[in-house]
Amino acid sequence: MGDGTQRVNEKKTDSKIKIDQLGHSSSGILALDNIQQLLEQLEAKELLVVNPRRKNGLILYKKYHAEFAGPGAIIGGEFDLGVTNVLAVGGISLVSPQNSQEKKQAYKMRRQWVRLTKQIIDNPQPTERAQVILNQFEHWFDMATVADLPDEAFALLVGVLPQTIRKVRNIELL
């Protein structure tokens, strides 16, 4: 497609749409119709796993904060009922867990991603939290992908104001 959005590969089963790969622009942001589709699946408590074989993830916006679900992490079910929006990071790919062992492993991975974020949040200095989350995302992904993500997303992940993220990004540019 001309706008950089990839076509969605969908499989219809029992009137639910299974997403193998969500359409996204070159910056990794989900196309608007796919965001709505994913939000509906989360509201229906459907379980999906961020593809563990790719550098990708989702920032899950909730009422007062955001959570990052990286490669291998499960999304949906009871955990993500309060999701208001999602932001794809990297070339997002979601798969359905095939058995209880895959679900168990994916829950462990989600817990690991939450723990990594908590370690950052435990730092009382807002500018340091901002610096560490930006550094971590640059390590997990690449600088171009991180540059495309909004300040608000990082701010909600680590409990700082968006202008704190912006300030730290501007310091890095010097």
C-alpha atoms as a PDB file:
ATOM      1  CA  MET A   1       0.000   0.000   0.000  1.00  0.00           C
ATOM      2  CA  GLY A   2       1.211   3.502  -0.754  1.00  0.00           C
ATOM      3  CA  ASP A   3       1.043   4.867   2.796  1.00  0.00           C
ATOM      4  CA  GLY A   4       3.512   2.298   4.140  1.00  0.00           C
ATOM      5  CA  THR A   5       0.801   0.242   5.814  1.00  0.00           C
ATOM      6  CA  GLN A   6       1.065  -3.486   5.335  1.00  0.00           C
ATOM      7  CA  ARG A   7      -1.949  -5.639   4.647  1.00  0.00           C
ATOM      8  CA  VAL A   8      -3.300  -7.680   7.553  1.00  0.00           C
ATOM      9  CA  ASN A   9      -3.138 -11.456   7.327  1.00  0.00           C
ATOM     10  CA  GLU A  10      -6.410 -12.649   8.860  1.00  0.00           C
ATOM     11  CA  LYS A  11      -7.926 -16.022   9.465  1.00  0.00           C
ATOM     12  CA  LYS A  12     -11.622 -16.132  10.313  1.00  0.00           C
ATOM     13  CA  THR A  13     -12.585 -18.858  12.734  1.00  0.00           C
ATOM     14  CA  ASP A  14     -15.797 -18.952  14.770  1.00  0.00           C
ATOM     15  CA  SER A  15     -16.507 -15.313  13.781  1.00  0.00           C
ATOM     16  CA  LYS A  16     -13.305 -14.164  15.540  1.00  0.00           C
ATOM     17  CA  ILE A  17     -10.414 -12.762  13.594  1.00  0.00           C
ATOM     18  CA  LYS A  18      -7.068 -14.283  14.430  1.00  0.00           C
ATOM     19  CA  ILE A  19      -4.224 -11.906  13.738  1.00  0.00           C
ATOM     20  CA  ASP A  20      -0.981 -13.427  12.525  1.00  0.00           C
ATOM     21  CA  GLN A  21       0.519 -10.055  11.749  1.00  0.00           C
ATOM     22  CA  LEU A  22      -1.082  -6.683  12.238  1.00  0.00           C
ATOM     23  CA  GLY A  23      -0.742  -4.071   9.516  1.00  0.00           C
ATOM     24  CA  HIS A  24       1.638  -1.328  10.538  1.00  0.00           C
ATOM     25  CA  SER A  25       3.460   1.598   9.032  1.00  0.00           C
ATOM     26  CA  SER A  26       7.235   1.701   8.675  1.00  0.00           C
ATOM     27  CA  SER A  27       7.369   3.339  12.127  1.00  0.00           C
ATOM     28  CA  GLY A  28       5.641   0.308  13.644  1.00  0.00           C
ATOM     29  CA  ILE A  29       2.387   2.077  14.460  1.00  0.00           C
ATOM     30  CA  LEU A  30      -0.731  -0.012  13.967  1.00  0.00           C
ATOM     31  CA  ALA A  31      -3.211   1.082  11.334  1.00  0.00           C
ATOM     32  CA  LEU A  32      -6.328   2.589  12.910  1.00  0.00           C
ATOM     33  CA  ASP A  33      -8.714  -0.229  11.925  1.00  0.00           C
ATOM     34  CA  ASN A  34      -6.330  -2.828  13.340  1.00  0.00           C
ATOM     35  CA  ILE A  35      -6.079  -0.971  16.657  1.00  0.00           C
ATOM     36  CA  GLN A  36      -9.842  -1.158  17.015  1.00  0.00           C
ATOM     37  CA  GLN A  37      -9.808  -4.842  16.085  1.00  0.00           C
ATOM     38  CA  LEU A  38      -7.124  -5.601  18.680  1.00  0.00           C
ATOM     39  CA  LEU A  39      -8.938  -3.584  21.367  1.00  0.00           C
ATOM     40  CA  GLU A  40     -12.081  -5.610  20.673  1.00  0.00           C
ATOM     41  CA  GLN A  41     -10.109  -8.844  21.047  1.00  0.00           C
ATOM     42  CA  LEU A  42      -8.644  -7.630  24.343  1.00  0.00           C
ATOM     43  CA  GLU A  43     -12.100  -6.622  25.584  1.00  0.00           C
ATOM     44  CA  ALA A  44     -13.320 -10.120  24.718  1.00  0.00           C
ATOM     45  CA  LYS A  45     -10.494 -11.498  26.934  1.00  0.00           C
ATOM     46  CA  GLU A  46      -8.848 -13.256  24.003  1.00  0.00           C
ATOM     47  CA  LEU A  47      -5.288 -14.361  24.758  1.00  0.00           C
ATOM     48  CA  LEU A  48      -2.542 -13.510  22.269  1.00  0.00           C
ATOM     49  CA  VAL A  49       1.237 -13.690  22.509  1.00  0.00           C
ATOM     50  CA  VAL A  50       3.708 -11.156  21.162  1.00  0.00           C
ATOM     51  CA  ASN A  51       5.770 -13.186  18.720  1.00  0.00           C
ATOM     52  CA  PRO A  52       8.894 -14.282  20.628  1.00  0.00           C
ATOM     53  CA  ARG A  53      10.908 -14.703  17.427  1.00  0.00           C
ATOM     54  CA  ARG A  54      10.752 -11.034  16.431  1.00  0.00           C
ATOM     55  CA  LYS A  55      11.914  -7.716  17.824  1.00  0.00           C
ATOM     56  CA  ASN A  56       8.452  -6.345  18.517  1.00  0.00           C
ATOM     57  CA  GLY A  57       6.099  -5.424  21.306  1.00  0.00           C
ATOM     58  CA  LEU A  58       3.044  -3.475  22.355  1.00  0.00           C
ATOM     59  CA  ILE A  59       2.657  -0.518  24.642  1.00  0.00           C
ATOM     60  CA  LEU A  60      -0.698  -1.063  26.312  1.00  0.00           C
ATOM     61  CA  TYR A  61      -2.303   2.186  27.429  1.00  0.00           C
ATOM     62  CA  LYS A  62      -4.432   1.917  30.549  1.00  0.00           C
ATOM     63  CA  LYS A  63      -6.339   4.619  32.422  1.00  0.00           C
ATOM     64  CA  TYR A  64      -3.420   6.078  34.392  1.00  0.00           C
ATOM     65  CA  HIS A  65      -0.345   4.281  33.102  1.00  0.00           C
ATOM     66  CA  ALA A  66       1.027   2.112  30.303  1.00  0.00           C
ATOM     67  CA  GLU A  67       2.621  -1.331  30.248  1.00  0.00           C
ATOM     68  CA  PHE A  68       5.042  -2.823  27.767  1.00  0.00           C
ATOM     69  CA  ALA A  69       4.504  -6.366  26.521  1.00  0.00           C
ATOM     70  CA  GLY A  70       7.652  -7.433  24.694  1.00  0.00           C
ATOM     71  CA  PRO A  71       8.570 -10.561  22.748  1.00  0.00           C
ATOM     72  CA  GLY A  72       7.041 -13.690  24.244  1.00  0.00           C
ATOM     73  CA  ALA A  73       4.614 -11.842  26.532  1.00  0.00           C
ATOM     74  CA  ILE A  74       0.943 -12.717  26.704  1.00  0.00           C
ATOM     75  CA  ILE A  75      -1.692 -10.018  26.264  1.00  0.00           C
ATOM     76  CA  GLY A  76      -5.409 -10.151  26.872  1.00  0.00           C
ATOM     77  CA  GLY A  77      -7.387 -12.135  29.394  1.00  0.00           C
ATOM     78  CA  GLU A  78      -8.090 -10.532  32.763  1.00  0.00           C
ATOM     79  CA  PHE A  79      -4.865  -8.478  32.752  1.00  0.00           C
ATOM     80  CA  ASP A  80      -5.729  -6.161  29.909  1.00  0.00           C
ATOM     81  CA  LEU A  81      -9.434  -5.439  30.342  1.00  0.00           C
ATOM     82  CA  GLY A  82      -8.674  -1.782  31.060  1.00  0.00           C
ATOM     83  CA  VAL A  83      -6.644  -1.170  27.907  1.00  0.00           C
ATOM     84  CA  THR A  84      -7.735   2.054  26.207  1.00  0.00           C
ATOM     85  CA  ASN A  85      -5.235   2.081  23.337  1.00  0.00           C
ATOM     86  CA  VAL A  86      -2.253   0.182  21.981  1.00  0.00           C
ATOM     87  CA  LEU A  87       0.945   1.254  20.295  1.00  0.00           C
ATOM     88  CA  ALA A  88       2.993  -1.222  18.284  1.00  0.00           C
ATOM     89  CA  VAL A  89       6.764  -1.197  18.625  1.00  0.00           C
ATOM     90  CA  GLY A  90       8.661  -2.771  15.746  1.00  0.00           C
ATOM     91  CA  GLY A  91       7.008  -5.014  13.178  1.00  0.00           C
ATOM     92  CA  ILE A  92       4.296  -6.351  15.459  1.00  0.00           C
ATOM     93  CA  SER A  93       3.272  -9.973  15.163  1.00  0.00           C
ATOM     94  CA  LEU A  94       0.796 -11.668  17.487  1.00  0.00           C
ATOM     95  CA  VAL A  95       0.149 -15.384  17.715  1.00  0.00           C
ATOM     96  CA  SER A  96      -2.388 -17.481  19.596  1.00  0.00           C
ATOM     97  CA  PRO A  97      -1.000 -19.750  22.309  1.00  0.00           C
ATOM     98  CA  GLN A  98      -1.581 -23.354  21.257  1.00  0.00           C
ATOM     99  CA  ASN A  99      -1.567 -25.085  24.656  1.00  0.00           C
ATOM    100  CA  SER A 100      -1.333 -24.505  28.395  1.00  0.00           C
ATOM    101  CA  GLN A 101       2.476 -24.749  28.362  1.00  0.00           C
ATOM    102  CA  GLU A 102       2.731 -21.914  25.821  1.00  0.00           C
ATOM    103  CA  LYS A 103       0.325 -19.827  27.930  1.00  0.00           C
ATOM    104  CA  LYS A 104       2.358 -20.492  31.064  1.00  0.00           C
ATOM    105  CA  GLN A 105       5.597 -19.471  29.341  1.00  0.00           C
ATOM    106  CA  ALA A 106       3.958 -16.338  27.927  1.00  0.00           C
ATOM    107  CA  TYR A 107       2.663 -15.344  31.387  1.00  0.00           C
ATOM    108  CA  LYS A 108       6.202 -15.724  32.733  1.00  0.00           C
ATOM    109  CA  MET A 109       7.517 -13.477  29.963  1.00  0.00           C
ATOM    110  CA  ARG A 110       4.861 -10.837  30.659  1.00  0.00           C
ATOM    111  CA  ARG A 111       5.867 -10.905  34.322  1.00  0.00           C
ATOM    112  CA  GLN A 112       9.511 -10.428  33.308  1.00  0.00           C
ATOM    113  CA  TRP A 113       8.651  -7.367  31.210  1.00  0.00           C
ATOM    114  CA  VAL A 114       6.672  -5.928  34.144  1.00  0.00           C
ATOM    115  CA  ARG A 115       9.606  -6.571  36.492  1.00  0.00           C
ATOM    116  CA  LEU A 116      12.047  -4.840  34.154  1.00  0.00           C
ATOM    117  CA  THR A 117       9.782  -1.798  34.040  1.00  0.00           C
ATOM    118  CA  LYS A 118       9.359  -1.861  37.825  1.00  0.00           C
ATOM    119  CA  GLN A 119      13.143  -1.783  38.297  1.00  0.00           C
ATOM    120  CA  ILE A 120      13.193   1.435  36.279  1.00  0.00           C
ATOM    121  CA  ILE A 121      10.225   2.902  38.166  1.00  0.00           C
ATOM    122  CA  ASP A 122      11.869   2.204  41.534  1.00  0.00           C
ATOM    123  CA  ASN A 123      14.410   4.953  40.815  1.00  0.00           C
ATOM    124  CA  PRO A 124      13.154   8.113  42.599  1.00  0.00           C
ATOM    125  CA  GLN A 125      14.739  10.487  40.039  1.00  0.00           C
ATOM    126  CA  PRO A 126      12.361  11.238  37.130  1.00  0.00           C
ATOM    127  CA  THR A 127      15.126  12.226  34.686  1.00  0.00           C
ATOM    128  CA  GLU A 128      17.018   9.021  35.439  1.00  0.00           C
ATOM    129  CA  ARG A 129      13.856   6.940  34.895  1.00  0.00           C
ATOM    130  CA  ALA A 130      13.359   8.720  31.575  1.00  0.00           C
ATOM    131  CA  GLN A 131      16.973   8.116  30.549  1.00  0.00           C
ATOM    132  CA  VAL A 132      16.901   4.435  31.496  1.00  0.00           C
ATOM    133  CA  ILE A 133      13.635   3.643  29.662  1.00  0.00           C
ATOM    134  CA  LEU A 134      14.931   5.353  26.509  1.00  0.00           C
ATOM    135  CA  ASN A 135      18.241   3.480  26.778  1.00  0.00           C
ATOM    136  CA  GLN A 136      16.465   0.161  27.294  1.00  0.00           C
ATOM    137  CA  PHE A 137      14.218   0.638  24.271  1.00  0.00           C
ATOM    138  CA  GLU A 138      17.222   1.629  22.143  1.00  0.00           C
ATOM    139  CA  HIS A 139      18.921  -1.565  23.318  1.00  0.00           C
ATOM    140  CA  TRP A 140      15.857  -3.761  22.624  1.00  0.00           C
ATOM    141  CA  PHE A 141      15.014  -2.119  19.301  1.00  0.00           C
ATOM    142  CA  ASP A 142      16.876   0.594  17.391  1.00  0.00           C
ATOM    143  CA  MET A 143      17.238   4.351  17.669  1.00  0.00           C
ATOM    144  CA  ALA A 144      14.942   5.055  14.697  1.00  0.00           C
ATOM    145  CA  THR A 145      12.113   2.982  16.179  1.00  0.00           C
ATOM    146  CA  VAL A 146      12.513   4.685  19.559  1.00  0.00           C
ATOM    147  CA  ALA A 147      12.577   8.131  17.940  1.00  0.00           C
ATOM    148  CA  ASP A 148       9.196   7.405  16.321  1.00  0.00           C
ATOM    149  CA  LEU A 149       7.526   6.578  19.643  1.00  0.00           C
ATOM    150  CA  PRO A 150       5.728   9.451  21.380  1.00  0.00           C
ATOM    151  CA  ASP A 151       7.062  11.017  24.583  1.00  0.00           C
ATOM    152  CA  GLU A 152       3.701  10.304  26.235  1.00  0.00           C
ATOM    153  CA  ALA A 153       4.146   6.535  25.788  1.00  0.00           C
ATOM    154  CA  PHE A 154       7.488   6.491  27.613  1.00  0.00           C
ATOM    155  CA  ALA A 155       6.172   8.883  30.263  1.00  0.00           C
ATOM    156  CA  LEU A 156       3.238   6.600  31.053  1.00  0.00           C
ATOM    157  CA  LEU A 157       5.546   3.573  31.237  1.00  0.00           C
ATOM    158  CA  VAL A 158       7.798   5.044  33.950  1.00  0.00           C
ATOM    159  CA  GLY A 159       5.633   7.629  35.699  1.00  0.00           C
ATOM    160  CA  VAL A 160       7.146  10.891  34.498  1.00  0.00           C
ATOM    161  CA  LEU A 161       5.789  13.857  32.603  1.00  0.00           C
ATOM    162  CA  PRO A 162       6.095  13.835  28.796  1.00  0.00           C
ATOM    163  CA  GLN A 163       8.272  16.968  28.985  1.00  0.00           C
ATOM    164  CA  THR A 164      10.773  14.989  31.110  1.00  0.00           C
ATOM    165  CA  ILE A 165      11.134  12.468  28.285  1.00  0.00           C
ATOM    166  CA  ARG A 166      11.426  15.315  25.768  1.00  0.00           C
ATOM    167  CA  LYS A 167      14.114  17.012  27.900  1.00  0.00           C
ATOM    168  CA  VAL A 168      16.166  13.803  28.127  1.00  0.00           C
ATOM    169  CA  ARG A 169      15.818  13.185  24.384  1.00  0.00           C
ATOM    170  CA  ASN A 170      16.982  16.735  23.648  1.00  0.00           C
ATOM    171  CA  ILE A 171      20.024  16.298  25.901  1.00  0.00           C
ATOM    172  CA  GLU A 172      20.940  13.137  23.969  1.00  0.00           C
ATOM    173  CA  LEU A 173      20.885  15.121  20.709  1.00  0.00           C
ATOM    174  CA  LEU A 174      23.569  17.546  21.936  1.00  0.00           C
END
